C-alpha atoms as a PDB file:
ATOM      1  CA  UNK A   1      44.379 185.470 -72.995  1.00  0.00           C
ATOM      2  CA  UNK A   2      43.640 187.220 -76.295  1.00  0.00           C
ATOM      3  CA  UNK A   3      45.727 189.009 -78.826  1.00  0.00           C
ATOM      4  CA  UNK A   4      45.946 192.394 -76.633  1.00  0.00           C
ATOM      5  CA  UNK A   5      47.208 190.566 -73.595  1.00  0.00           C
ATOM      6  CA  UNK A   6      51.008 189.608 -75.717  1.00  0.00           C
ATOM      7  CA  UNK A   7      51.296 192.900 -75.777  1.00  0.00           C
ATOM      8  CA  UNK A   8      51.869 193.082 -72.270  1.00  0.00           C
ATOM      9  CA  UNK A   9      54.471 190.522 -71.789  1.00  0.00           C
ATOM     10  CA  UNK A  10      57.947 190.494 -72.225  1.00  0.00           C
ATOM     11  CA  UNK A  11      59.552 189.302 -75.271  1.00  0.00           C
ATOM     12  CA  UNK A  12      59.625 185.390 -75.520  1.00  0.00           C
ATOM     13  CA  UNK A  13      62.920 183.526 -76.064  1.00  0.00           C
ATOM     14  CA  UNK A  14      63.755 184.037 -79.191  1.00  0.00           C
ATOM     15  CA  UNK A  15      61.500 187.026 -79.918  1.00  0.00           C
ATOM     16  CA  UNK A  16      63.620 189.381 -82.142  1.00  0.00           C
ATOM     17  CA  UNK A  17      61.808 192.679 -81.297  1.00  0.00           C
ATOM     18  CA  UNK A  18      63.440 192.174 -77.911  1.00  0.00           C
ATOM     19  CA  UNK A  19      66.556 192.961 -78.861  1.00  0.00           C
ATOM     20  CA  UNK A  20      66.880 195.689 -81.375  1.00  0.00           C
ATOM     21  CA  UNK A  21      66.399 192.438 -83.965  1.00  0.00           C
ATOM     22  CA  UNK A  22      68.484 190.036 -82.668  1.00  0.00           C
ATOM     23  CA  UNK A  23      67.087 186.767 -81.387  1.00  0.00           C
ATOM     24  CA  UNK A  24      67.409 186.785 -77.622  1.00  0.00           C
ATOM     25  CA  UNK A  25      69.766 184.241 -75.875  1.00  0.00           C
ATOM     26  CA  UNK A  26      67.287 181.280 -74.980  1.00  0.00           C
ATOM     27  CA  UNK A  27      67.931 180.572 -71.134  1.00  0.00           C
ATOM     28  CA  UNK A  28      65.977 177.781 -69.324  1.00  0.00           C
ATOM     29  CA  UNK A  29      67.488 178.833 -65.940  1.00  0.00           C
ATOM     30  CA  UNK A  30      68.967 182.168 -64.732  1.00  0.00           C
ATOM     31  CA  UNK A  31      72.680 181.853 -64.823  1.00  0.00           C
ATOM     32  CA  UNK A  32      74.612 180.509 -61.876  1.00  0.00           C
ATOM     33  CA  UNK A  33      75.410 183.222 -59.426  1.00  0.00           C
ATOM     34  CA  UNK A  34      72.811 185.715 -60.865  1.00  0.00           C
ATOM     35  CA  UNK A  35      70.686 188.021 -58.498  1.00  0.00           C
ATOM     36  CA  UNK A  36      67.493 189.866 -58.909  1.00  0.00           C
ATOM     37  CA  UNK A  37      65.685 192.430 -57.058  1.00  0.00           C
ATOM     38  CA  UNK A  38      62.514 193.047 -56.724  1.00  0.00           C
ATOM     39  CA  UNK A  39      61.366 197.188 -55.851  1.00  0.00           C
ATOM     40  CA  UNK A  40      57.658 197.032 -54.826  1.00  0.00           C
ATOM     41  CA  UNK A  41      55.774 198.626 -52.215  1.00  0.00           C
ATOM     42  CA  UNK A  42      52.882 195.657 -53.091  1.00  0.00           C
ATOM     43  CA  UNK A  43      53.465 192.731 -51.163  1.00  0.00           C
ATOM     44  CA  UNK A  44      51.644 190.518 -53.644  1.00  0.00           C
ATOM     45  CA  UNK A  45      53.172 191.436 -56.713  1.00  0.00           C
ATOM     46  CA  UNK A  46      57.004 190.799 -54.327  1.00  0.00           C
ATOM     47  CA  UNK A  47      56.209 187.933 -53.331  1.00  0.00           C
ATOM     48  CA  UNK A  48      55.177 186.472 -56.694  1.00  0.00           C
ATOM     49  CA  UNK A  49      57.992 187.732 -58.347  1.00  0.00           C
ATOM     50  CA  UNK A  50      60.253 186.460 -55.578  1.00  0.00           C
ATOM     51  CA  UNK A  51      58.816 183.210 -56.364  1.00  0.00           C
ATOM     52  CA  UNK A  52      58.991 183.003 -59.814  1.00  0.00           C
ATOM     53  CA  UNK A  53      62.421 184.402 -60.097  1.00  0.00           C
ATOM     54  CA  UNK A  54      63.971 181.626 -57.333  1.00  0.00           C
ATOM     55  CA  UNK A  55      62.235 178.839 -59.166  1.00  0.00           C
ATOM     56  CA  UNK A  56      64.014 180.424 -62.462  1.00  0.00           C
ATOM     57  CA  UNK A  57      67.470 180.021 -60.582  1.00  0.00           C
ATOM     58  CA  UNK A  58      67.981 183.779 -59.420  1.00  0.00           C
ATOM     59  CA  UNK A  59      69.144 184.753 -55.719  1.00  0.00           C
ATOM     60  CA  UNK A  60      66.448 187.317 -54.805  1.00  0.00           C
ATOM     61  CA  UNK A  61      66.345 190.492 -52.474  1.00  0.00           C
ATOM     62  CA  UNK A  62      63.081 192.768 -52.573  1.00  0.00           C
ATOM     63  CA  UNK A  63      62.644 196.299 -51.244  1.00  0.00           C
ATOM     64  CA  UNK A  64      59.276 197.906 -50.435  1.00  0.00           C
ATOM     65  CA  UNK A  65      60.215 201.632 -51.809  1.00  0.00           C
ATOM     66  CA  UNK A  66      62.544 203.040 -54.606  1.00  0.00           C
ATOM     67  CA  UNK A  67      65.163 204.535 -51.546  1.00  0.00           C
ATOM     68  CA  UNK A  68      65.529 201.299 -49.973  1.00  0.00           C
ATOM     69  CA  UNK A  69      66.355 199.581 -53.188  1.00  0.00           C
ATOM     70  CA  UNK A  70      68.902 202.214 -54.624  1.00  0.00           C
ATOM     71  CA  UNK A  71      70.289 201.860 -50.632  1.00  0.00           C
ATOM     72  CA  UNK A  72      70.841 198.130 -50.986  1.00  0.00           C
ATOM     73  CA  UNK A  73      72.320 198.639 -54.148  1.00  0.00           C
ATOM     74  CA  UNK A  74      74.684 200.641 -52.969  1.00  0.00           C
ATOM     75  CA  UNK A  75      75.082 199.482 -49.412  1.00  0.00           C
ATOM     76  CA  UNK A  76      75.625 195.605 -50.694  1.00  0.00           C
ATOM     77  CA  UNK A  77      77.390 195.783 -54.096  1.00  0.00           C
ATOM     78  CA  UNK A  78      75.686 193.602 -55.401  1.00  0.00           C
ATOM     79  CA  UNK A  79      75.412 193.026 -59.102  1.00  0.00           C
ATOM     80  CA  UNK A  80      71.768 192.713 -60.004  1.00  0.00           C
ATOM     81  CA  UNK A  81      71.964 191.093 -63.028  1.00  0.00           C
ATOM     82  CA  UNK A  82      67.721 191.882 -63.073  1.00  0.00           C
ATOM     83  CA  UNK A  83      65.692 194.834 -61.397  1.00  0.00           C
ATOM     84  CA  UNK A  84      62.244 194.433 -61.559  1.00  0.00           C
ATOM     85  CA  UNK A  85      60.587 197.680 -60.721  1.00  0.00           C
ATOM     86  CA  UNK A  86      56.683 198.461 -59.991  1.00  0.00           C
ATOM     87  CA  UNK A  87      56.175 201.761 -61.517  1.00  0.00           C
ATOM     88  CA  UNK A  88      53.786 202.814 -58.710  1.00  0.00           C
ATOM     89  CA  UNK A  89      56.530 203.867 -55.598  1.00  0.00           C
ATOM     90  CA  UNK A  90      55.418 205.182 -52.630  1.00  0.00           C
ATOM     91  CA  UNK A  91      58.720 207.665 -52.120  1.00  0.00           C
ATOM     92  CA  UNK A  92      60.834 207.960 -55.287  1.00  0.00           C
ATOM     93  CA  UNK A  93      59.491 208.067 -58.979  1.00  0.00           C
ATOM     94  CA  UNK A  94      59.889 205.172 -60.535  1.00  0.00           C
ATOM     95  CA  UNK A  95      61.814 206.555 -63.826  1.00  0.00           C
ATOM     96  CA  UNK A  96      64.145 208.587 -61.559  1.00  0.00           C
ATOM     97  CA  UNK A  97      65.145 204.752 -59.564  1.00  0.00           C
ATOM     98  CA  UNK A  98      65.572 203.408 -63.224  1.00  0.00           C
ATOM     99  CA  UNK A  99      67.942 206.187 -64.482  1.00  0.00           C
ATOM    100  CA  UNK A 100      69.584 205.577 -61.329  1.00  0.00           C
ATOM    101  CA  UNK A 101      69.974 202.030 -61.614  1.00  0.00           C
ATOM    102  CA  UNK A 102      71.355 202.289 -64.905  1.00  0.00           C
ATOM    103  CA  UNK A 103      74.280 204.610 -63.566  1.00  0.00           C
ATOM    104  CA  UNK A 104      74.761 202.191 -61.022  1.00  0.00           C
ATOM    105  CA  UNK A 105      74.182 199.112 -62.876  1.00  0.00           C
ATOM    106  CA  UNK A 106      74.980 199.198 -66.123  1.00  0.00           C
ATOM    107  CA  UNK A 107      74.241 195.614 -67.405  1.00  0.00           C
ATOM    108  CA  UNK A 108      71.119 195.110 -65.535  1.00  0.00           C
ATOM    109  CA  UNK A 109      68.154 194.185 -67.470  1.00  0.00           C
ATOM    110  CA  UNK A 110      65.127 195.913 -66.262  1.00  0.00           C
ATOM    111  CA  UNK A 111      61.172 195.117 -66.071  1.00  0.00           C
ATOM    112  CA  UNK A 112      58.657 197.270 -65.050  1.00  0.00           C
ATOM    113  CA  UNK A 113      55.415 196.312 -63.408  1.00  0.00           C
ATOM    114  CA  UNK A 114      52.122 198.693 -64.131  1.00  0.00           C
ATOM    115  CA  UNK A 115      48.871 198.927 -64.325  1.00  0.00           C
ATOM    116  CA  UNK A 116      47.710 199.965 -67.608  1.00  0.00           C
ATOM    117  CA  UNK A 117      50.270 201.750 -69.086  1.00  0.00           C
ATOM    118  CA  UNK A 118      53.685 200.804 -70.681  1.00  0.00           C
ATOM    119  CA  UNK A 119      56.172 201.173 -69.143  1.00  0.00           C
ATOM    120  CA  UNK A 120      58.743 200.202 -72.133  1.00  0.00           C
ATOM    121  CA  UNK A 121      58.916 204.232 -73.028  1.00  0.00           C
ATOM    122  CA  UNK A 122      60.627 204.880 -69.766  1.00  0.00           C
ATOM    123  CA  UNK A 123      63.644 202.783 -70.772  1.00  0.00           C
ATOM    124  CA  UNK A 124      62.191 199.645 -69.787  1.00  0.00           C
ATOM    125  CA  UNK A 125      63.969 196.296 -71.226  1.00  0.00           C
ATOM    126  CA  UNK A 126      60.448 194.757 -70.497  1.00  0.00           C
ATOM    127  CA  UNK A 127      57.363 194.978 -68.787  1.00  0.00           C
ATOM    128  CA  UNK A 128      54.679 192.731 -66.867  1.00  0.00           C
ATOM    129  CA  UNK A 129      51.072 194.094 -66.663  1.00  0.00           C
ATOM    130  CA  UNK A 130      49.751 194.020 -62.996  1.00  0.00           C
ATOM    131  CA  UNK A 131      48.695 192.095 -61.041  1.00  0.00           C
ATOM    132  CA  UNK A 132      51.276 189.450 -62.455  1.00  0.00           C
ATOM    133  CA  UNK A 133      51.394 185.909 -61.790  1.00  0.00           C
ATOM    134  CA  UNK A 134      54.754 183.809 -60.967  1.00  0.00           C
ATOM    135  CA  UNK A 135      54.429 182.497 -63.978  1.00  0.00           C
ATOM    136  CA  UNK A 136      55.023 184.984 -65.722  1.00  0.00           C
ATOM    137  CA  UNK A 137      58.030 186.118 -63.485  1.00  0.00           C
ATOM    138  CA  UNK A 138      59.636 182.627 -64.391  1.00  0.00           C
ATOM    139  CA  UNK A 139      59.505 183.608 -68.144  1.00  0.00           C
ATOM    140  CA  UNK A 140      61.374 186.859 -67.661  1.00  0.00           C
ATOM    141  CA  UNK A 141      64.506 184.960 -67.273  1.00  0.00           C
ATOM    142  CA  UNK A 142      65.140 184.487 -71.158  1.00  0.00           C
ATOM    143  CA  UNK A 143      65.120 188.413 -71.657  1.00  0.00           C
ATOM    144  CA  UNK A 144      68.288 189.470 -73.456  1.00  0.00           C
ATOM    145  CA  UNK A 145      70.403 190.944 -71.252  1.00  0.00           C
ATOM    146  CA  UNK A 146      71.812 194.473 -72.307  1.00  0.00           C
ATOM    147  CA  UNK A 147      75.172 194.932 -73.485  1.00  0.00           C
ATOM    148  CA  UNK A 148      77.749 197.465 -71.731  1.00  0.00           C
END
Protein backbone atom coordinates (compact mmCIF):
# COMPACT_ATOMS: atom_id res chain seq x y z
CA UNK A 1 0.00 0.00 0.00
CA UNK A 2 1.44 3.38 -0.93
CA UNK A 3 0.56 6.88 0.23
CA UNK A 4 -1.99 7.34 -2.54
CA UNK A 5 -3.96 4.36 -1.25
CA UNK A 6 -4.56 6.21 2.03
CA UNK A 7 -6.60 8.82 0.16
CA UNK A 8 -9.13 6.09 -0.59
CA UNK A 9 -9.51 4.86 2.97
CA UNK A 10 -11.93 6.05 5.62
CA UNK A 11 -10.40 8.21 8.34
CA UNK A 12 -8.76 6.17 11.07
CA UNK A 13 -9.61 6.35 14.76
CA UNK A 14 -8.83 9.79 16.13
CA UNK A 15 -8.18 11.28 12.68
CA UNK A 16 -9.15 14.94 13.05
CA UNK A 17 -10.03 15.24 9.36
CA UNK A 18 -12.89 12.82 9.91
CA UNK A 19 -15.04 15.13 11.98
CA UNK A 20 -14.37 18.75 11.11
CA UNK A 21 -11.22 18.85 13.23
CA UNK A 22 -12.65 17.04 16.26
CA UNK A 23 -11.10 13.67 17.11
CA UNK A 24 -13.24 10.66 16.23
CA UNK A 25 -14.59 8.47 18.98
CA UNK A 26 -12.47 5.33 19.04
CA UNK A 27 -14.57 2.19 19.12
CA UNK A 28 -13.41 -1.40 19.24
CA UNK A 29 -16.81 -2.69 18.17
CA UNK A 30 -20.11 -1.24 17.07
CA UNK A 31 -22.30 -0.10 19.96
CA UNK A 32 -24.79 -2.74 21.11
CA UNK A 33 -27.86 -2.84 18.93
CA UNK A 34 -26.20 -1.12 15.94
CA UNK A 35 -27.60 -1.95 12.53
CA UNK A 36 -25.92 -1.51 9.15
CA UNK A 37 -27.47 -1.59 5.69
CA UNK A 38 -25.28 -2.52 2.71
CA UNK A 39 -26.61 -1.33 -0.65
CA UNK A 40 -24.93 -2.73 -3.76
CA UNK A 41 -25.78 -4.76 -6.83
CA UNK A 42 -22.30 -6.34 -6.52
CA UNK A 43 -22.71 -9.63 -4.63
CA UNK A 44 -18.99 -9.84 -3.82
CA UNK A 45 -18.94 -6.34 -2.35
CA UNK A 46 -22.11 -7.02 -0.35
CA UNK A 47 -20.65 -10.26 0.99
CA UNK A 48 -17.38 -8.62 2.04
CA UNK A 49 -19.19 -5.70 3.64
CA UNK A 50 -21.59 -7.93 5.55
CA UNK A 51 -18.74 -10.13 6.76
CA UNK A 52 -16.58 -7.24 7.92
CA UNK A 53 -19.40 -5.34 9.57
CA UNK A 54 -20.65 -8.43 11.40
CA UNK A 55 -17.10 -8.98 12.68
CA UNK A 56 -17.22 -5.40 13.98
CA UNK A 57 -20.43 -6.16 15.89
CA UNK A 58 -23.10 -4.79 13.57
CA UNK A 59 -26.35 -6.56 12.86
CA UNK A 60 -26.62 -6.31 9.08
CA UNK A 61 -29.07 -6.30 6.23
CA UNK A 62 -28.48 -5.78 2.57
CA UNK A 63 -30.25 -4.56 -0.53
CA UNK A 64 -29.23 -5.08 -4.18
CA UNK A 65 -30.71 -1.78 -5.44
CA UNK A 66 -31.39 1.74 -4.23
CA UNK A 67 -35.14 1.23 -4.40
CA UNK A 68 -34.90 -1.99 -2.37
CA UNK A 69 -32.86 -0.15 0.26
CA UNK A 70 -35.31 2.75 0.54
CA UNK A 71 -38.24 0.33 0.71
CA UNK A 72 -36.49 -1.66 3.45
CA UNK A 73 -35.79 1.49 5.47
CA UNK A 74 -39.39 2.66 5.14
CA UNK A 75 -41.04 -0.71 5.87
CA UNK A 76 -38.81 -1.90 8.69
CA UNK A 77 -38.45 1.44 10.43
CA UNK A 78 -35.01 0.24 11.43
CA UNK A 79 -32.69 2.89 12.84
CA UNK A 80 -29.59 2.00 10.85
CA UNK A 81 -26.50 3.64 12.28
CA UNK A 82 -24.43 2.90 9.19
CA UNK A 83 -25.29 2.78 5.49
CA UNK A 84 -22.76 1.41 3.00
CA UNK A 85 -23.76 2.67 -0.43
CA UNK A 86 -22.26 1.55 -3.74
CA UNK A 87 -21.89 4.49 -6.10
CA UNK A 88 -22.92 2.27 -9.03
CA UNK A 89 -26.54 1.28 -8.51
CA UNK A 90 -28.61 -0.21 -11.34
CA UNK A 91 -31.85 1.66 -10.69
CA UNK A 92 -31.62 4.96 -8.80
CA UNK A 93 -28.63 7.33 -8.79
CA UNK A 94 -26.63 6.79 -5.60
CA UNK A 95 -26.60 10.54 -4.90
CA UNK A 96 -30.40 10.52 -4.85
CA UNK A 97 -30.47 7.49 -2.54
CA UNK A 98 -27.98 9.23 -0.22
CA UNK A 99 -30.10 12.40 -0.07
CA UNK A 100 -33.23 10.42 0.79
CA UNK A 101 -31.36 8.32 3.38
CA UNK A 102 -30.06 11.51 5.03
CA UNK A 103 -33.68 12.74 5.34
CA UNK A 104 -35.02 9.41 6.60
CA UNK A 105 -32.16 8.63 9.02
CA UNK A 106 -30.24 11.86 9.67
CA UNK A 107 -27.97 10.26 12.30
CA UNK A 108 -26.69 7.43 10.11
CA UNK A 109 -23.08 7.42 8.95
CA UNK A 110 -22.84 7.09 5.17
CA UNK A 111 -19.94 5.24 3.55
CA UNK A 112 -19.73 5.18 -0.23
CA UNK A 113 -17.95 2.54 -2.25
CA UNK A 114 -16.63 3.43 -5.68
CA UNK A 115 -14.02 2.48 -8.22
CA UNK A 116 -11.59 5.26 -9.04
CA UNK A 117 -13.59 8.32 -7.93
CA UNK A 118 -14.10 10.13 -4.63
CA UNK A 119 -17.76 10.05 -3.62
CA UNK A 120 -16.84 12.09 -0.55
CA UNK A 121 -17.73 15.19 -2.57
CA UNK A 122 -21.30 13.91 -2.76
CA UNK A 123 -22.10 13.89 0.94
CA UNK A 124 -20.41 10.72 2.16
CA UNK A 125 -18.89 10.61 5.65
CA UNK A 126 -16.19 8.31 4.26
CA UNK A 127 -15.58 6.09 1.30
CA UNK A 128 -13.86 2.89 0.31
CA UNK A 129 -12.30 2.12 -3.04
CA UNK A 130 -13.62 -0.98 -4.79
CA UNK A 131 -12.78 -3.77 -4.53
CA UNK A 132 -12.78 -3.41 -0.75
CA UNK A 133 -11.82 -6.25 1.56
CA UNK A 134 -13.88 -7.41 4.55
CA UNK A 135 -11.18 -6.06 6.88
CA UNK A 136 -11.67 -2.56 5.44
CA UNK A 137 -15.35 -2.68 6.37
CA UNK A 138 -14.39 -3.81 9.88
CA UNK A 139 -12.28 -0.64 10.24
CA UNK A 140 -15.17 1.73 9.56
CA UNK A 141 -16.64 1.02 12.98
CA UNK A 142 -14.30 3.79 14.21
CA UNK A 143 -15.91 6.45 12.01
CA UNK A 144 -17.38 9.39 13.87
CA UNK A 145 -21.17 9.48 13.75
CA UNK A 146 -22.97 12.56 12.47
CA UNK A 147 -24.66 14.66 15.11
CA UNK A 148 -28.28 15.58 14.55
